Protein backbone atom coordinates (compact mmCIF):
# COMPACT_ATOMS: atom_id res chain seq x y z
CA UNK A 1 58.25 57.28 205.62
CA UNK A 2 56.97 55.33 208.64
CA UNK A 3 59.37 52.58 209.71
CA UNK A 4 57.15 49.50 209.66
CA UNK A 5 60.18 47.21 210.02
CA UNK A 6 61.00 48.75 213.40
CA UNK A 7 57.34 48.77 214.47
CA UNK A 8 56.84 45.11 213.62
CA UNK A 9 60.13 43.66 214.81
CA UNK A 10 58.46 41.24 217.25
CA UNK A 11 55.91 40.11 214.66
CA UNK A 12 58.67 39.62 212.13
CA UNK A 13 60.26 37.13 214.51
CA UNK A 14 56.97 35.28 214.97
CA UNK A 15 56.38 35.11 211.23
CA UNK A 16 59.89 33.89 210.61
CA UNK A 17 59.49 31.04 213.10
CA UNK A 18 56.58 29.74 211.04
CA UNK A 19 57.87 30.09 207.47
CA UNK A 20 60.45 27.26 207.36
CA UNK A 21 62.00 28.51 204.11
CA UNK A 22 64.21 25.92 202.44
CA UNK A 23 67.14 26.34 200.02
CA UNK A 24 65.73 26.36 196.49
CA UNK A 25 62.32 27.76 197.48
CA UNK A 26 60.65 30.37 195.30
CA UNK A 27 59.01 32.82 197.68
CA UNK A 28 56.27 35.34 196.87
CA UNK A 29 55.97 38.23 199.38
CA UNK A 30 52.63 40.08 199.23
CA UNK A 31 52.59 43.74 200.31
CA UNK A 32 56.33 43.65 200.88
CA UNK A 33 56.77 47.36 201.67
CA UNK A 34 60.46 48.19 201.97
CA UNK A 35 61.33 44.55 201.48
CA UNK A 36 62.71 43.29 204.79
CA UNK A 37 60.71 40.06 204.61
CA UNK A 38 61.57 39.61 200.92
CA UNK A 39 65.29 40.05 201.47
CA UNK A 40 65.33 37.71 204.45
CA UNK A 41 63.40 35.15 202.40
CA UNK A 42 65.88 35.48 199.53
CA UNK A 43 68.80 34.75 201.85
CA UNK A 44 67.09 31.71 203.34
CA UNK A 45 65.94 30.39 199.94
CA UNK A 46 69.28 30.73 198.13
CA UNK A 47 69.90 29.38 195.51
CA UNK A 48 66.15 29.91 195.17
CA UNK A 49 64.52 33.31 194.73
CA UNK A 50 62.16 35.80 196.37
CA UNK A 51 59.80 38.26 194.69
CA UNK A 52 58.22 41.15 196.60
CA UNK A 53 55.14 42.96 195.31
CA UNK A 54 53.68 46.23 196.59
CA UNK A 55 51.72 49.21 195.27
CA UNK A 56 54.07 51.80 196.84
CA UNK A 57 56.77 53.11 194.53
CA UNK A 58 58.75 54.90 197.28
CA UNK A 59 58.80 51.81 199.50
CA UNK A 60 59.94 49.61 196.63
CA UNK A 61 62.67 52.10 195.71
CA UNK A 62 64.03 51.73 199.22
CA UNK A 63 63.66 47.94 199.01
CA UNK A 64 65.70 47.82 195.80
CA UNK A 65 68.43 50.09 197.19
CA UNK A 66 68.75 47.96 200.31
CA UNK A 67 68.88 44.72 198.33
CA UNK A 68 71.67 46.18 196.20
CA UNK A 69 73.55 47.33 199.31
CA UNK A 70 73.25 43.83 200.76
CA UNK A 71 74.47 42.27 197.52
CA UNK A 72 71.39 40.12 197.02
CA UNK A 73 71.09 38.84 193.46
CA UNK A 74 68.21 36.40 193.95
CA UNK A 75 65.60 39.00 195.00
CA UNK A 76 63.36 41.18 192.84
CA UNK A 77 60.49 43.60 193.33
CA UNK A 78 57.48 44.61 191.26
CA UNK A 79 55.14 47.55 191.72
CA UNK A 80 51.63 46.22 191.14
CA UNK A 81 48.37 45.18 192.80
CA UNK A 82 48.61 41.51 193.79
CA UNK A 83 44.86 41.21 193.22
CA UNK A 84 45.25 41.62 189.46
CA UNK A 85 48.96 41.19 188.64
CA UNK A 86 49.76 38.47 186.08
CA UNK A 87 52.03 36.21 188.12
CA UNK A 88 53.58 33.16 186.45
CA UNK A 89 51.27 30.20 187.00
CA UNK A 90 52.17 27.66 189.71
CA UNK A 91 55.63 29.18 190.04
CA UNK A 92 56.11 29.84 193.76
CA UNK A 93 56.62 27.24 196.49
CA UNK A 94 55.68 29.59 199.35
CA UNK A 95 53.54 32.72 199.73
CA UNK A 96 54.09 35.10 202.65
CA UNK A 97 52.71 38.42 203.86
CA UNK A 98 53.45 40.55 206.91
CA UNK A 99 50.34 42.73 207.26
CA UNK A 100 50.08 43.24 203.49
CA UNK A 101 46.81 41.52 202.56
CA UNK A 102 44.19 43.63 204.37
CA UNK A 103 43.81 46.30 201.69
CA UNK A 104 42.43 44.35 198.72
CA UNK A 105 39.23 45.65 197.15
CA UNK A 106 38.12 42.02 196.65
CA UNK A 107 39.93 39.60 199.01
CA UNK A 108 38.54 36.46 197.33
CA UNK A 109 39.73 37.61 193.89
CA UNK A 110 43.10 38.60 195.34
CA UNK A 111 43.63 35.32 197.17
CA UNK A 112 42.56 33.38 194.07
CA UNK A 113 45.11 35.28 191.97
CA UNK A 114 47.82 34.61 194.54
CA UNK A 115 46.75 30.97 194.70
CA UNK A 116 47.20 30.58 190.94
CA UNK A 117 50.80 31.74 191.36
CA UNK A 118 51.52 29.07 193.99
CA UNK A 119 52.31 25.45 193.30
CA UNK A 120 49.68 22.89 194.35
CA UNK A 121 50.12 22.18 198.05
CA UNK A 122 52.20 25.31 198.66
CA UNK A 123 51.64 27.19 201.91
CA UNK A 124 50.44 30.77 202.18
CA UNK A 125 51.43 32.30 205.54
CA UNK A 126 50.22 35.77 206.50
CA UNK A 127 49.84 38.10 209.46
CA UNK A 128 46.75 40.32 209.69
CA UNK A 129 45.55 42.61 212.47
CA UNK A 130 42.85 41.60 214.91
CA UNK A 131 40.04 44.18 215.48
CA UNK A 132 40.99 47.78 216.15
CA UNK A 133 39.74 47.67 219.74
CA UNK A 134 42.52 45.16 220.49
CA UNK A 135 45.23 47.58 219.34
CA UNK A 136 46.55 49.81 222.13
CA UNK A 137 48.44 51.99 219.64
CA UNK A 138 45.26 52.75 217.68
CA UNK A 139 43.19 53.68 220.73
CA UNK A 140 45.93 55.92 222.15
CA UNK A 141 46.57 57.79 218.92
CA UNK A 142 42.88 58.29 218.11
CA UNK A 143 41.99 59.48 221.61
CA UNK A 144 44.91 61.93 221.77
CA UNK A 145 44.43 63.50 218.34
CA UNK A 146 40.64 63.69 218.57
CA UNK A 147 40.64 65.18 222.08
CA UNK A 148 38.91 62.14 223.55
CA UNK A 149 36.18 62.05 220.90
CA UNK A 150 37.62 59.26 218.78
CA UNK A 151 34.39 57.27 218.97
CA UNK A 152 32.62 59.98 217.00
CA UNK A 153 35.07 59.97 214.10
CA UNK A 154 34.01 58.33 210.88
CA UNK A 155 35.83 55.24 209.53
CA UNK A 156 38.60 56.24 207.16
CA UNK A 157 41.42 54.78 205.10
CA UNK A 158 43.23 53.63 208.25
CA UNK A 159 40.35 51.28 209.08
CA UNK A 160 41.19 49.24 205.98
CA UNK A 161 43.92 47.66 208.10
CA UNK A 162 41.22 45.70 209.93
CA UNK A 163 39.22 44.26 207.01
CA UNK A 164 40.50 40.74 207.81
CA UNK A 165 40.17 41.07 211.59
CA UNK A 166 37.32 38.53 211.74
CA UNK A 167 38.74 34.96 211.47
CA UNK A 168 35.54 33.76 209.80
CA UNK A 169 36.01 36.33 207.06
CA UNK A 170 39.60 35.23 206.50
CA UNK A 171 38.76 31.52 206.41
CA UNK A 172 35.78 32.11 204.12
CA UNK A 173 37.78 34.22 201.67
CA UNK A 174 40.70 31.79 201.50
CA UNK A 175 38.42 28.77 201.11
CA UNK A 176 36.44 30.45 198.34
CA UNK A 177 39.74 31.30 196.64
CA UNK A 178 40.84 27.67 196.52
CA UNK A 179 42.85 27.27 199.71
CA UNK A 180 42.40 24.49 202.23
CA UNK A 181 43.55 23.53 205.76
CA UNK A 182 43.20 27.14 206.92
CA UNK A 183 44.55 27.65 210.44
CA UNK A 184 44.17 30.94 212.36
CA UNK A 185 46.44 31.44 215.37
CA UNK A 186 46.13 34.18 218.00
CA UNK A 187 49.38 36.17 218.27
CA UNK A 188 50.02 38.94 220.79
CA UNK A 189 53.17 41.06 220.58
CA UNK A 190 54.11 44.67 221.40
CA UNK A 191 54.76 47.11 218.55
CA UNK A 192 57.54 49.72 218.62
CA UNK A 193 56.96 53.40 217.87
CA UNK A 194 60.33 55.02 218.56
CA UNK A 195 63.02 55.69 221.15
CA UNK A 196 61.22 58.64 222.77
CA UNK A 197 57.95 60.60 222.63
CA UNK A 198 59.18 63.30 220.24
CA UNK A 199 60.43 60.87 217.64
CA UNK A 200 57.40 58.63 218.13
CA UNK A 201 55.16 61.65 217.51
CA UNK A 202 57.00 62.43 214.27
CA UNK A 203 56.59 58.80 213.21
CA UNK A 204 52.88 58.69 214.06
CA UNK A 205 52.21 61.75 211.91
CA UNK A 206 53.24 59.70 208.87
CA UNK A 207 50.34 57.30 209.44
CA UNK A 208 47.00 57.55 207.63
CA UNK A 209 45.20 57.56 210.96
CA UNK A 210 47.00 60.72 212.07
CA UNK A 211 46.52 62.43 208.72
CA UNK A 212 42.78 61.81 208.94
CA UNK A 213 42.49 63.05 212.53
CA UNK A 214 44.73 66.12 212.25
CA UNK A 215 42.46 68.07 209.89
CA UNK A 216 41.62 71.20 211.91
CA UNK A 217 42.72 74.26 209.89
CA UNK A 218 43.23 76.19 213.11
CA UNK A 219 46.95 76.11 213.99
CA UNK A 220 46.32 76.42 217.73
CA UNK A 221 43.93 73.46 217.74
CA UNK A 222 46.40 71.37 215.79
CA UNK A 223 49.21 72.22 218.21
CA UNK A 224 47.02 71.25 221.17
CA UNK A 225 46.31 67.92 219.49
CA UNK A 226 50.02 67.32 218.99
CA UNK A 227 50.73 68.24 222.61
CA UNK A 228 48.13 65.67 223.72
CA UNK A 229 49.73 63.10 221.44
CA UNK A 230 53.24 63.68 222.82
CA UNK A 231 51.95 63.43 226.38
CA UNK A 232 50.04 60.23 225.62
CA UNK A 233 53.03 58.67 223.89
CA UNK A 234 55.35 59.58 226.74
CA UNK A 235 53.30 57.38 229.08
CA UNK A 236 54.39 54.34 227.05
CA UNK A 237 58.10 55.05 227.29
CA UNK A 238 59.60 51.92 228.84
CA UNK A 239 63.13 53.30 229.02
CA UNK A 240 63.85 51.07 226.04
CA UNK A 241 61.59 52.88 223.61
CA UNK A 242 57.83 53.23 223.22
CA UNK A 243 55.94 49.93 223.01
CA UNK A 244 52.20 49.36 222.61
CA UNK A 245 50.22 46.18 223.12
CA UNK A 246 48.70 44.67 219.97
CA UNK A 247 47.13 41.49 218.65
CA UNK A 248 47.16 39.79 215.27
CA UNK A 249 46.16 36.59 213.52
CA UNK A 250 48.78 34.29 212.03
CA UNK A 251 46.95 32.65 209.13
CA UNK A 252 48.32 29.51 207.48
CA UNK A 253 46.65 27.89 204.45
CA UNK A 254 47.54 25.55 201.61
CA UNK A 255 46.85 25.92 197.94
CA UNK A 256 44.75 23.00 196.69
């Protein structure tokens, strides 16, 4: 399982600076993955609560185990699609998401459903990726695995990560869903892919992008692609791990 918490450590800090969670808050975490943001929110909100929602059963299993290990009793997780899940109406005082809102089939419907779960005036704070061409990690991985022909590859599941890359699309969807005072802030932070090229390569191969690009049935061709990937990754070794430049939008809105 790819370690998104390690990858996004710098973005996690930026998100946390913005949330301003208060004791007694009820926090809804959209696309919570393995639950780092949910657990941190639960600690900050105590005696309030935090609920994380995600479609991935394996990630949520890890989130629940970690919450139990940490002794958190005010956190819970549900496996469901936030676009259609029946949340309690006007229950949550804050909605958050760390790169978990880009995959909805219908963003307006999803944001409207999330909005109904928030109290009037509650904030919804999310991080979403800027366009793929602004992501050094994406360009490096695609070029290495495709042999320099990444531009000719067709869009795949990995491109869903950039469906909210256009600020106008984000603002339009949130406004149509009943949110107001939408603010989109440019955020630029490096992302972490591992302590060395070998372990970074193993991590990358867990990503949808890699699975889509490594499709050649010929074992020799696949091995050459992996050799190119290791060499490309090694160039980003800072001595303190492999870091790639990236850019995101920090989106803040209020439920009417």
